[in-house]
Amino acid sequence: TDTSECRELVGHESTVYSIAYSQDGITLVSASADHTCRLWNVANGTELRIFRGATAGVFSIVFSPNDGTVFASVGNDSTIRIWHACTGSCIREIIGTSIAEDTELDRDMLAYSP
């Protein structure tokens, strides 16, 4: 894969807060203030899937280190969602009561435990 080329991924309708590459580097997922996550083909910039369900902006995403087909997202609706990248289905929702006041710190705090 040639990494020297800059590619613009067009699709989100608002600010993109976070991106995460799959383990194989073939796809990446982006999180946005438009309440969606989107899966992209890195090589050609094609949008592969839109993940809807958040009721507020999504600000952090991370792929599972064990399985490149599953990722987690969290946003301002205080909900962590576990997504299956291939099917687009939400596997699980973990509903919280609030998000930390300091979102600059909170934004990058989503992580998987091996």
Foldseek 3Di string as FASTA:
>chain_A
DDPPDDDDQDDDPADWQDKEAFPVRQWMWIWFQSQWIWIAGPVPNDTDDIAHDGPGGWHEKYADPVDSQWMWIDDQQQKIWIAGNVPSDTPDIDHDDGFDPPVVVVRYPDDDDD
